[in-house]
Amino acid sequence: MAAAATTVLVVRTVNAALTGSVRAAGRLFATRLYITALVITHRLANTRAADRIMVLDHGRVVQTGTYDELRSQRGLFKELHDLQEAPVAR
């Protein structure tokens, strides 16, 4: 039996201003077209809708899980997320 063809959408977010459109596009493609979306981002809030998140550190996978799972665990994801979400001192 031949394997079904899989379509993969790769999105790399570079500019914070693009994050809203990237999230919308990712949801649209993943839900309407039933494809795999690979999103590469530094803004961890962009990963909320992901089925699975893989956290890389120096090219190695150091954590995997959902957004909520990774937020509740000690580790690199929570550390970086907390830094990104911290209020900016003025």
N, C-alpha and C. Protein backbone atom coordinates (compact mmCIF):
# COMPACT_ATOMS: atom_id res chain seq x y z
N MET A 1 0.84 -1.18 0.00
CA MET A 1 0.00 0.00 0.00
C MET A 1 0.89 1.24 0.00
N ALA A 2 0.66 2.12 -0.92
CA ALA A 2 1.46 3.34 -1.02
C ALA A 2 1.04 4.34 0.05
N ALA A 3 2.01 5.08 0.56
CA ALA A 3 1.73 6.11 1.56
C ALA A 3 1.04 7.30 0.89
N ALA A 4 0.11 7.91 1.61
CA ALA A 4 -0.56 9.10 1.09
C ALA A 4 0.41 10.27 1.03
N ALA A 5 0.26 11.09 0.03
CA ALA A 5 1.10 12.28 -0.09
C ALA A 5 0.74 13.26 1.02
N THR A 6 1.73 13.89 1.59
CA THR A 6 1.53 14.87 2.65
C THR A 6 2.03 16.21 2.16
N THR A 7 1.23 17.24 2.37
CA THR A 7 1.63 18.60 2.04
C THR A 7 2.11 19.27 3.31
N VAL A 8 3.26 19.91 3.24
CA VAL A 8 3.82 20.60 4.40
C VAL A 8 4.00 22.07 4.05
N LEU A 9 3.42 22.94 4.87
CA LEU A 9 3.58 24.38 4.73
C LEU A 9 4.63 24.81 5.74
N VAL A 10 5.70 25.44 5.28
CA VAL A 10 6.75 25.93 6.17
C VAL A 10 6.64 27.44 6.24
N VAL A 11 6.49 27.97 7.46
CA VAL A 11 6.37 29.41 7.68
C VAL A 11 7.43 29.80 8.69
N ARG A 12 8.22 30.80 8.34
CA ARG A 12 9.24 31.31 9.25
C ARG A 12 8.88 32.75 9.57
N THR A 13 8.64 33.03 10.86
CA THR A 13 8.30 34.40 11.23
C THR A 13 9.57 35.13 11.62
N VAL A 14 9.80 36.25 10.97
CA VAL A 14 10.98 37.05 11.24
C VAL A 14 10.58 38.38 11.87
N ASN A 15 9.46 38.90 11.44
CA ASN A 15 9.02 40.22 11.86
C ASN A 15 7.82 40.08 12.79
N ALA A 16 7.88 40.68 13.97
CA ALA A 16 6.80 40.60 14.94
C ALA A 16 5.48 41.12 14.37
N ALA A 17 5.54 42.06 13.44
CA ALA A 17 4.32 42.62 12.86
C ALA A 17 3.58 41.59 12.00
N LEU A 18 4.25 40.55 11.60
CA LEU A 18 3.62 39.53 10.76
C LEU A 18 2.92 38.45 11.57
N THR A 19 3.09 38.43 12.86
CA THR A 19 2.62 37.30 13.64
C THR A 19 1.12 37.06 13.53
N GLY A 20 0.30 38.10 13.52
CA GLY A 20 -1.14 37.91 13.40
C GLY A 20 -1.52 37.26 12.10
N SER A 21 -0.93 37.72 11.00
CA SER A 21 -1.25 37.14 9.70
C SER A 21 -0.70 35.73 9.58
N VAL A 22 0.43 35.48 10.19
CA VAL A 22 1.01 34.13 10.16
C VAL A 22 0.12 33.16 10.91
N ARG A 23 -0.37 33.57 12.08
CA ARG A 23 -1.27 32.71 12.86
C ARG A 23 -2.54 32.42 12.06
N ALA A 24 -3.10 33.45 11.47
CA ALA A 24 -4.33 33.27 10.69
C ALA A 24 -4.09 32.34 9.50
N ALA A 25 -3.00 32.56 8.80
CA ALA A 25 -2.69 31.72 7.64
C ALA A 25 -2.45 30.28 8.06
N GLY A 26 -1.74 30.10 9.14
CA GLY A 26 -1.47 28.75 9.65
C GLY A 26 -2.75 28.02 9.99
N ARG A 27 -3.67 28.70 10.69
CA ARG A 27 -4.96 28.07 11.05
C ARG A 27 -5.76 27.75 9.79
N LEU A 28 -5.79 28.68 8.85
CA LEU A 28 -6.54 28.46 7.62
C LEU A 28 -6.00 27.26 6.87
N PHE A 29 -4.71 27.24 6.63
CA PHE A 29 -4.12 26.14 5.87
C PHE A 29 -4.28 24.81 6.59
N ALA A 30 -4.00 24.79 7.88
CA ALA A 30 -4.04 23.53 8.63
C ALA A 30 -5.45 22.98 8.75
N THR A 31 -6.45 23.85 8.92
CA THR A 31 -7.80 23.36 9.12
C THR A 31 -8.57 23.15 7.82
N ARG A 32 -8.33 23.97 6.84
CA ARG A 32 -9.09 23.85 5.59
C ARG A 32 -8.44 22.88 4.60
N LEU A 33 -7.16 22.82 4.60
CA LEU A 33 -6.47 21.99 3.62
C LEU A 33 -5.94 20.70 4.21
N TYR A 34 -6.04 20.53 5.51
CA TYR A 34 -5.57 19.31 6.18
C TYR A 34 -4.12 19.00 5.85
N ILE A 35 -3.29 19.99 6.07
CA ILE A 35 -1.86 19.81 5.82
C ILE A 35 -1.10 19.99 7.13
N THR A 36 0.15 19.67 7.08
CA THR A 36 1.05 19.90 8.20
C THR A 36 1.67 21.28 8.02
N ALA A 37 1.58 22.11 9.06
CA ALA A 37 2.20 23.43 9.02
C ALA A 37 3.38 23.42 9.98
N LEU A 38 4.55 23.69 9.48
CA LEU A 38 5.76 23.79 10.28
C LEU A 38 6.04 25.28 10.44
N VAL A 39 5.88 25.79 11.65
CA VAL A 39 6.07 27.21 11.91
C VAL A 39 7.34 27.39 12.72
N ILE A 40 8.26 28.17 12.21
CA ILE A 40 9.52 28.46 12.90
C ILE A 40 9.40 29.88 13.42
N THR A 41 9.44 30.03 14.74
CA THR A 41 9.19 31.34 15.32
C THR A 41 9.98 31.54 16.61
N HIS A 42 10.28 32.79 16.88
CA HIS A 42 10.89 33.16 18.17
C HIS A 42 9.82 33.64 19.13
N ARG A 43 8.66 34.06 18.61
CA ARG A 43 7.55 34.52 19.45
C ARG A 43 6.73 33.31 19.87
N LEU A 44 6.91 32.88 21.10
CA LEU A 44 6.29 31.64 21.56
C LEU A 44 4.77 31.72 21.61
N ALA A 45 4.21 32.91 21.71
CA ALA A 45 2.75 33.06 21.68
C ALA A 45 2.19 32.59 20.33
N ASN A 46 3.01 32.58 19.29
CA ASN A 46 2.57 32.12 17.97
C ASN A 46 2.29 30.62 17.95
N THR A 47 2.70 29.91 18.98
CA THR A 47 2.57 28.45 18.99
C THR A 47 1.31 27.97 19.70
N ARG A 48 0.47 28.87 20.18
CA ARG A 48 -0.72 28.47 20.97
C ARG A 48 -1.60 27.46 20.28
N ALA A 49 -1.82 27.57 18.98
CA ALA A 49 -2.75 26.69 18.27
C ALA A 49 -2.09 25.40 17.77
N ALA A 50 -0.82 25.23 18.03
CA ALA A 50 -0.10 24.06 17.52
C ALA A 50 -0.53 22.77 18.23
N ASP A 51 -0.63 21.70 17.46
CA ASP A 51 -0.90 20.39 18.05
C ASP A 51 0.30 19.88 18.82
N ARG A 52 1.49 20.16 18.30
CA ARG A 52 2.72 19.76 18.97
C ARG A 52 3.78 20.82 18.75
N ILE A 53 4.50 21.12 19.82
CA ILE A 53 5.60 22.09 19.76
C ILE A 53 6.89 21.34 20.06
N MET A 54 7.90 21.61 19.27
CA MET A 54 9.22 21.05 19.52
C MET A 54 10.16 22.21 19.82
N VAL A 55 10.75 22.20 20.99
CA VAL A 55 11.66 23.27 21.42
C VAL A 55 13.08 22.83 21.11
N LEU A 56 13.77 23.66 20.33
CA LEU A 56 15.15 23.37 19.97
C LEU A 56 16.11 24.25 20.75
N ASP A 57 17.22 23.68 21.15
CA ASP A 57 18.30 24.42 21.80
C ASP A 57 19.60 23.96 21.17
N HIS A 58 20.26 24.85 20.46
CA HIS A 58 21.50 24.54 19.75
C HIS A 58 21.31 23.35 18.81
N GLY A 59 20.14 23.31 18.12
CA GLY A 59 19.89 22.28 17.13
C GLY A 59 19.37 20.97 17.67
N ARG A 60 19.18 20.86 18.97
CA ARG A 60 18.69 19.62 19.58
C ARG A 60 17.30 19.84 20.17
N VAL A 61 16.43 18.86 20.02
CA VAL A 61 15.10 18.92 20.61
C VAL A 61 15.25 18.69 22.12
N VAL A 62 14.82 19.69 22.91
CA VAL A 62 14.96 19.59 24.36
C VAL A 62 13.61 19.45 25.07
N GLN A 63 12.51 19.76 24.38
CA GLN A 63 11.18 19.62 24.93
C GLN A 63 10.18 19.43 23.81
N THR A 64 9.11 18.69 24.09
CA THR A 64 7.98 18.59 23.17
C THR A 64 6.70 18.59 23.98
N GLY A 65 5.64 19.08 23.37
CA GLY A 65 4.35 19.09 24.03
C GLY A 65 3.46 20.16 23.43
N THR A 66 2.30 20.36 24.06
CA THR A 66 1.40 21.43 23.64
C THR A 66 1.82 22.71 24.33
N TYR A 67 1.22 23.80 23.91
CA TYR A 67 1.52 25.09 24.52
C TYR A 67 1.27 25.04 26.03
N ASP A 68 0.10 24.54 26.43
CA ASP A 68 -0.24 24.49 27.85
C ASP A 68 0.68 23.55 28.63
N GLU A 69 1.01 22.41 28.03
CA GLU A 69 1.93 21.48 28.70
C GLU A 69 3.29 22.13 28.94
N LEU A 70 3.82 22.78 27.92
CA LEU A 70 5.15 23.38 28.04
C LEU A 70 5.16 24.58 28.98
N ARG A 71 4.05 25.31 29.02
CA ARG A 71 3.96 26.44 29.97
C ARG A 71 3.94 25.95 31.43
N SER A 72 3.42 24.75 31.66
CA SER A 72 3.30 24.24 33.03
C SER A 72 4.54 23.49 33.50
N GLN A 73 5.48 23.23 32.61
CA GLN A 73 6.70 22.50 32.96
C GLN A 73 7.87 23.46 33.13
N ARG A 74 8.78 23.09 34.00
CA ARG A 74 10.03 23.84 34.04
C ARG A 74 10.84 23.47 32.81
N GLY A 75 11.48 24.46 32.22
CA GLY A 75 12.28 24.18 31.04
C GLY A 75 12.46 25.42 30.21
N LEU A 76 13.12 25.25 29.08
CA LEU A 76 13.47 26.36 28.21
C LEU A 76 12.25 27.09 27.69
N PHE A 77 11.19 26.36 27.29
CA PHE A 77 10.00 27.02 26.75
C PHE A 77 9.41 27.98 27.78
N LYS A 78 9.18 27.52 28.99
CA LYS A 78 8.59 28.37 30.03
C LYS A 78 9.51 29.55 30.35
N GLU A 79 10.79 29.30 30.43
CA GLU A 79 11.75 30.37 30.73
C GLU A 79 11.69 31.47 29.68
N LEU A 80 11.73 31.08 28.40
CA LEU A 80 11.69 32.08 27.33
C LEU A 80 10.32 32.74 27.23
N HIS A 81 9.27 31.97 27.41
CA HIS A 81 7.92 32.52 27.35
C HIS A 81 7.74 33.58 28.43
N ASP A 82 8.15 33.27 29.65
CA ASP A 82 8.01 34.22 30.75
C ASP A 82 8.80 35.50 30.49
N LEU A 83 9.96 35.38 29.88
CA LEU A 83 10.75 36.56 29.52
C LEU A 83 10.02 37.40 28.47
N GLN A 84 9.42 36.75 27.49
CA GLN A 84 8.72 37.47 26.42
C GLN A 84 7.44 38.14 26.92
N GLU A 85 6.79 37.55 27.89
CA GLU A 85 5.52 38.08 28.38
C GLU A 85 5.68 39.03 29.55
N ALA A 86 6.89 39.19 30.07
CA ALA A 86 7.11 40.07 31.23
C ALA A 86 6.85 41.53 30.83
N PRO A 87 6.26 42.29 31.75
CA PRO A 87 6.03 43.71 31.45
C PRO A 87 7.35 44.45 31.23
N VAL A 88 7.33 45.40 30.33
CA VAL A 88 8.52 46.19 30.04
C VAL A 88 8.59 47.35 31.03
N ALA A 89 9.74 47.47 31.70
CA ALA A 89 9.93 48.58 32.64
C ALA A 89 10.08 49.89 31.88
N ARG A 90 9.42 50.93 32.37
CA ARG A 90 9.51 52.23 31.70
C ARG A 90 10.14 53.24 32.61
